[in-house]
Amino acid sequence: MDQARRKARSLLELVSHTMALEDQGVDMDDQVEELARELADRRGLWS
């Protein structure tokens, strides 16, 4: 799950920068956990 969290954080950092420019906030910790769960649920992603 740590690997999924790292991948999720790197993807969301790109999005959060764009959203900040548009004056839209992102709750990074919640979004990271949600995306990490989705990434970890994909079969064969880390193999």
PDB file of N, CA and C in Angstrom:
ATOM      1  N   MET A   1       0.823  -1.194   0.000  1.00  0.00           N
ATOM      2  CA  MET A   1       0.000   0.000   0.000  1.00  0.00           C
ATOM      3  C   MET A   1       0.869   1.261   0.000  1.00  0.00           C
ATOM      4  N   ASP A   2       2.075   1.176   0.551  1.00  0.00           N
ATOM      5  CA  ASP A   2       2.971   2.348   0.549  1.00  0.00           C
ATOM      6  C   ASP A   2       3.308   2.774  -0.867  1.00  0.00           C
ATOM      7  N   GLN A   3       3.532   1.803  -1.734  1.00  0.00           N
ATOM      8  CA  GLN A   3       3.858   2.117  -3.122  1.00  0.00           C
ATOM      9  C   GLN A   3       2.663   2.800  -3.802  1.00  0.00           C
ATOM     10  N   ALA A   4       1.468   2.332  -3.522  1.00  0.00           N
ATOM     11  CA  ALA A   4       0.264   2.954  -4.081  1.00  0.00           C
ATOM     12  C   ALA A   4       0.110   4.382  -3.569  1.00  0.00           C
ATOM     13  N   ARG A   5       0.402   4.611  -2.287  1.00  0.00           N
ATOM     14  CA  ARG A   5       0.325   5.970  -1.734  1.00  0.00           C
ATOM     15  C   ARG A   5       1.333   6.903  -2.405  1.00  0.00           C
ATOM     16  N   ARG A   6       2.557   6.412  -2.615  1.00  0.00           N
ATOM     17  CA  ARG A   6       3.572   7.249  -3.274  1.00  0.00           C
ATOM     18  C   ARG A   6       3.135   7.615  -4.683  1.00  0.00           C
ATOM     19  N   LYS A   7       2.616   6.644  -5.429  1.00  0.00           N
ATOM     20  CA  LYS A   7       2.156   6.894  -6.792  1.00  0.00           C
ATOM     21  C   LYS A   7       0.978   7.870  -6.781  1.00  0.00           C
ATOM     22  N   ALA A   8       0.041   7.662  -5.873  1.00  0.00           N
ATOM     23  CA  ALA A   8      -1.127   8.541  -5.773  1.00  0.00           C
ATOM     24  C   ALA A   8      -0.697   9.969  -5.457  1.00  0.00           C
ATOM     25  N   ARG A   9       0.220  10.128  -4.501  1.00  0.00           N
ATOM     26  CA  ARG A   9       0.677  11.469  -4.129  1.00  0.00           C
ATOM     27  C   ARG A   9       1.343  12.164  -5.322  1.00  0.00           C
ATOM     28  N   SER A  10       2.164  11.438  -6.075  1.00  0.00           N
ATOM     29  CA  SER A  10       2.852  12.075  -7.205  1.00  0.00           C
ATOM     30  C   SER A  10       1.847  12.499  -8.276  1.00  0.00           C
ATOM     31  N   LEU A  11       0.826  11.683  -8.517  1.00  0.00           N
ATOM     32  CA  LEU A  11      -0.199  12.058  -9.493  1.00  0.00           C
ATOM     33  C   LEU A  11      -1.014  13.254  -9.015  1.00  0.00           C
ATOM     34  N   LEU A  12      -1.383  13.245  -7.758  1.00  0.00           N
ATOM     35  CA  LEU A  12      -2.224  14.311  -7.229  1.00  0.00           C
ATOM     36  C   LEU A  12      -1.484  15.631  -7.058  1.00  0.00           C
ATOM     37  N   GLU A  13      -0.180  15.590  -6.895  1.00  0.00           N
ATOM     38  CA  GLU A  13       0.576  16.847  -6.802  1.00  0.00           C
ATOM     39  C   GLU A  13       0.466  17.640  -8.098  1.00  0.00           C
ATOM     40  N   LEU A  14       0.445  16.953  -9.233  1.00  0.00           N
ATOM     41  CA  LEU A  14       0.264  17.634 -10.515  1.00  0.00           C
ATOM     42  C   LEU A  14      -1.114  18.281 -10.598  1.00  0.00           C
ATOM     43  N   VAL A  15      -2.134  17.555 -10.168  1.00  0.00           N
ATOM     44  CA  VAL A  15      -3.498  18.050 -10.206  1.00  0.00           C
ATOM     45  C   VAL A  15      -3.686  19.203  -9.229  1.00  0.00           C
ATOM     46  N   SER A  16      -3.119  19.077  -8.043  1.00  0.00           N
ATOM     47  CA  SER A  16      -3.329  20.115  -7.027  1.00  0.00           C
ATOM     48  C   SER A  16      -2.741  21.449  -7.466  1.00  0.00           C
ATOM     49  N   HIS A  17      -1.634  21.416  -8.183  1.00  0.00           N
ATOM     50  CA  HIS A  17      -1.039  22.659  -8.674  1.00  0.00           C
ATOM     51  C   HIS A  17      -1.993  23.342  -9.658  1.00  0.00           C
ATOM     52  N   THR A  18      -2.533  22.578 -10.588  1.00  0.00           N
ATOM     53  CA  THR A  18      -3.470  23.132 -11.562  1.00  0.00           C
ATOM     54  C   THR A  18      -4.716  23.660 -10.872  1.00  0.00           C
ATOM     55  N   MET A  19      -5.222  22.910  -9.911  1.00  0.00           N
ATOM     56  CA  MET A  19      -6.431  23.342  -9.211  1.00  0.00           C
ATOM     57  C   MET A  19      -6.171  24.594  -8.378  1.00  0.00           C
ATOM     58  N   ALA A  20      -4.984  24.709  -7.825  1.00  0.00           N
ATOM     59  CA  ALA A  20      -4.647  25.915  -7.061  1.00  0.00           C
ATOM     60  C   ALA A  20      -4.643  27.135  -7.983  1.00  0.00           C
ATOM     61  N   LEU A  21      -4.163  26.957  -9.199  1.00  0.00           N
ATOM     62  CA  LEU A  21      -4.176  28.063 -10.153  1.00  0.00           C
ATOM     63  C   LEU A  21      -5.600  28.484 -10.484  1.00  0.00           C
ATOM     64  N   GLU A  22      -6.522  27.539 -10.428  1.00  0.00           N
ATOM     65  CA  GLU A  22      -7.927  27.835 -10.701  1.00  0.00           C
ATOM     66  C   GLU A  22      -8.689  28.194  -9.425  1.00  0.00           C
ATOM     67  N   ASP A  23      -7.964  28.375  -8.329  1.00  0.00           N
ATOM     68  CA  ASP A  23      -8.539  28.728  -7.027  1.00  0.00           C
ATOM     69  C   ASP A  23      -9.518  27.672  -6.521  1.00  0.00           C
ATOM     70  N   GLN A  24      -9.145  26.408  -6.732  1.00  0.00           N
ATOM     71  CA  GLN A  24      -9.934  25.287  -6.232  1.00  0.00           C
ATOM     72  C   GLN A  24      -9.044  24.480  -5.301  1.00  0.00           C
ATOM     73  N   GLY A  25      -9.534  24.190  -4.127  1.00  0.00           N
ATOM     74  CA  GLY A  25      -8.736  23.454  -3.157  1.00  0.00           C
ATOM     75  C   GLY A  25      -8.866  21.940  -3.319  1.00  0.00           C
ATOM     76  N   VAL A  26      -7.842  21.249  -2.876  1.00  0.00           N
ATOM     77  CA  VAL A  26      -7.845  19.790  -2.877  1.00  0.00           C
ATOM     78  C   VAL A  26      -7.380  19.345  -1.496  1.00  0.00           C
ATOM     79  N   ASP A  27      -8.140  18.464  -0.848  1.00  0.00           N
ATOM     80  CA  ASP A  27      -7.715  17.883   0.426  1.00  0.00           C
ATOM     81  C   ASP A  27      -6.774  16.728   0.086  1.00  0.00           C
ATOM     82  N   MET A  28      -5.494  17.029   0.059  1.00  0.00           N
ATOM     83  CA  MET A  28      -4.496  16.091  -0.448  1.00  0.00           C
ATOM     84  C   MET A  28      -4.496  14.757   0.283  1.00  0.00           C
ATOM     85  N   ASP A  29      -4.529  14.757   1.608  1.00  0.00           N
ATOM     86  CA  ASP A  29      -4.443  13.499   2.350  1.00  0.00           C
ATOM     87  C   ASP A  29      -5.611  12.571   2.036  1.00  0.00           C
ATOM     88  N   ASP A  30      -6.825  13.116   2.009  1.00  0.00           N
ATOM     89  CA  ASP A  30      -7.994  12.294   1.695  1.00  0.00           C
ATOM     90  C   ASP A  30      -7.928  11.776   0.266  1.00  0.00           C
ATOM     91  N   GLN A  31      -7.532  12.633  -0.646  1.00  0.00           N
ATOM     92  CA  GLN A  31      -7.442  12.234  -2.046  1.00  0.00           C
ATOM     93  C   GLN A  31      -6.368  11.172  -2.256  1.00  0.00           C
ATOM     94  N   VAL A  32      -5.237  11.307  -1.573  1.00  0.00           N
ATOM     95  CA  VAL A  32      -4.158  10.326  -1.691  1.00  0.00           C
ATOM     96  C   VAL A  32      -4.649   8.958  -1.230  1.00  0.00           C
ATOM     97  N   GLU A  33      -5.315   8.925  -0.084  1.00  0.00           N
ATOM     98  CA  GLU A  33      -5.799   7.639   0.438  1.00  0.00           C
ATOM     99  C   GLU A  33      -6.814   7.002  -0.503  1.00  0.00           C
ATOM    100  N   GLU A  34      -7.713   7.810  -1.031  1.00  0.00           N
ATOM    101  CA  GLU A  34      -8.735   7.278  -1.932  1.00  0.00           C
ATOM    102  C   GLU A  34      -8.103   6.725  -3.214  1.00  0.00           C
ATOM    103  N   LEU A  35      -7.216   7.498  -3.816  1.00  0.00           N
ATOM    104  CA  LEU A  35      -6.569   7.047  -5.044  1.00  0.00           C
ATOM    105  C   LEU A  35      -5.654   5.851  -4.774  1.00  0.00           C
ATOM    106  N   ALA A  36      -4.963   5.845  -3.658  1.00  0.00           N
ATOM    107  CA  ALA A  36      -4.084   4.722  -3.310  1.00  0.00           C
ATOM    108  C   ALA A  36      -4.887   3.432  -3.191  1.00  0.00           C
ATOM    109  N   ARG A  37      -6.066   3.508  -2.578  1.00  0.00           N
ATOM    110  CA  ARG A  37      -6.922   2.311  -2.478  1.00  0.00           C
ATOM    111  C   ARG A  37      -7.320   1.821  -3.868  1.00  0.00           C
ATOM    112  N   GLU A  38      -7.678   2.757  -4.740  1.00  0.00           N
ATOM    113  CA  GLU A  38      -8.059   2.378  -6.098  1.00  0.00           C
ATOM    114  C   GLU A  38      -6.877   1.752  -6.843  1.00  0.00           C
ATOM    115  N   LEU A  39      -5.703   2.341  -6.703  1.00  0.00           N
ATOM    116  CA  LEU A  39      -4.522   1.790  -7.362  1.00  0.00           C
ATOM    117  C   LEU A  39      -4.173   0.411  -6.814  1.00  0.00           C
ATOM    118  N   ALA A  40      -4.249   0.251  -5.505  1.00  0.00           N
ATOM    119  CA  ALA A  40      -3.894  -1.018  -4.871  1.00  0.00           C
ATOM    120  C   ALA A  40      -4.886  -2.119  -5.245  1.00  0.00           C
ATOM    121  N   ASP A  41      -6.127  -1.755  -5.540  1.00  0.00           N
ATOM    122  CA  ASP A  41      -7.147  -2.744  -5.893  1.00  0.00           C
ATOM    123  C   ASP A  41      -6.978  -3.286  -7.315  1.00  0.00           C
ATOM    124  N   ARG A  42      -6.199  -2.630  -8.140  1.00  0.00           N
ATOM    125  CA  ARG A  42      -5.998  -3.094  -9.524  1.00  0.00           C
ATOM    126  C   ARG A  42      -5.128  -4.344  -9.499  1.00  0.00           C
ATOM    127  N   ARG A  43      -5.636  -5.383 -10.054  1.00  0.00           N
ATOM    128  CA  ARG A  43      -4.889  -6.644 -10.079  1.00  0.00           C
ATOM    129  C   ARG A  43      -3.658  -6.533 -10.958  1.00  0.00           C
ATOM    130  N   GLY A  44      -2.542  -7.007 -10.432  1.00  0.00           N
ATOM    131  CA  GLY A  44      -1.312  -7.071 -11.209  1.00  0.00           C
ATOM    132  C   GLY A  44      -0.584  -5.753 -11.383  1.00  0.00           C
ATOM    133  N   LEU A  45      -1.084  -4.688 -10.765  1.00  0.00           N
ATOM    134  CA  LEU A  45      -0.457  -3.391 -10.960  1.00  0.00           C
ATOM    135  C   LEU A  45       0.990  -3.370 -10.478  1.00  0.00           C
ATOM    136  N   TRP A  46       1.253  -4.001  -9.349  1.00  0.00           N
ATOM    137  CA  TRP A  46       2.591  -3.936  -8.768  1.00  0.00           C
ATOM    138  C   TRP A  46       3.425  -5.176  -9.038  1.00  0.00           C
ATOM    139  N   SER A  47       2.927  -6.080  -9.870  1.00  0.00           N
ATOM    140  CA  SER A  47       3.721  -7.301 -10.113  1.00  0.00           C
ATOM    141  C   SER A  47       4.452  -7.239 -11.432  1.00  0.00           C
TER     142      SER A  47
END
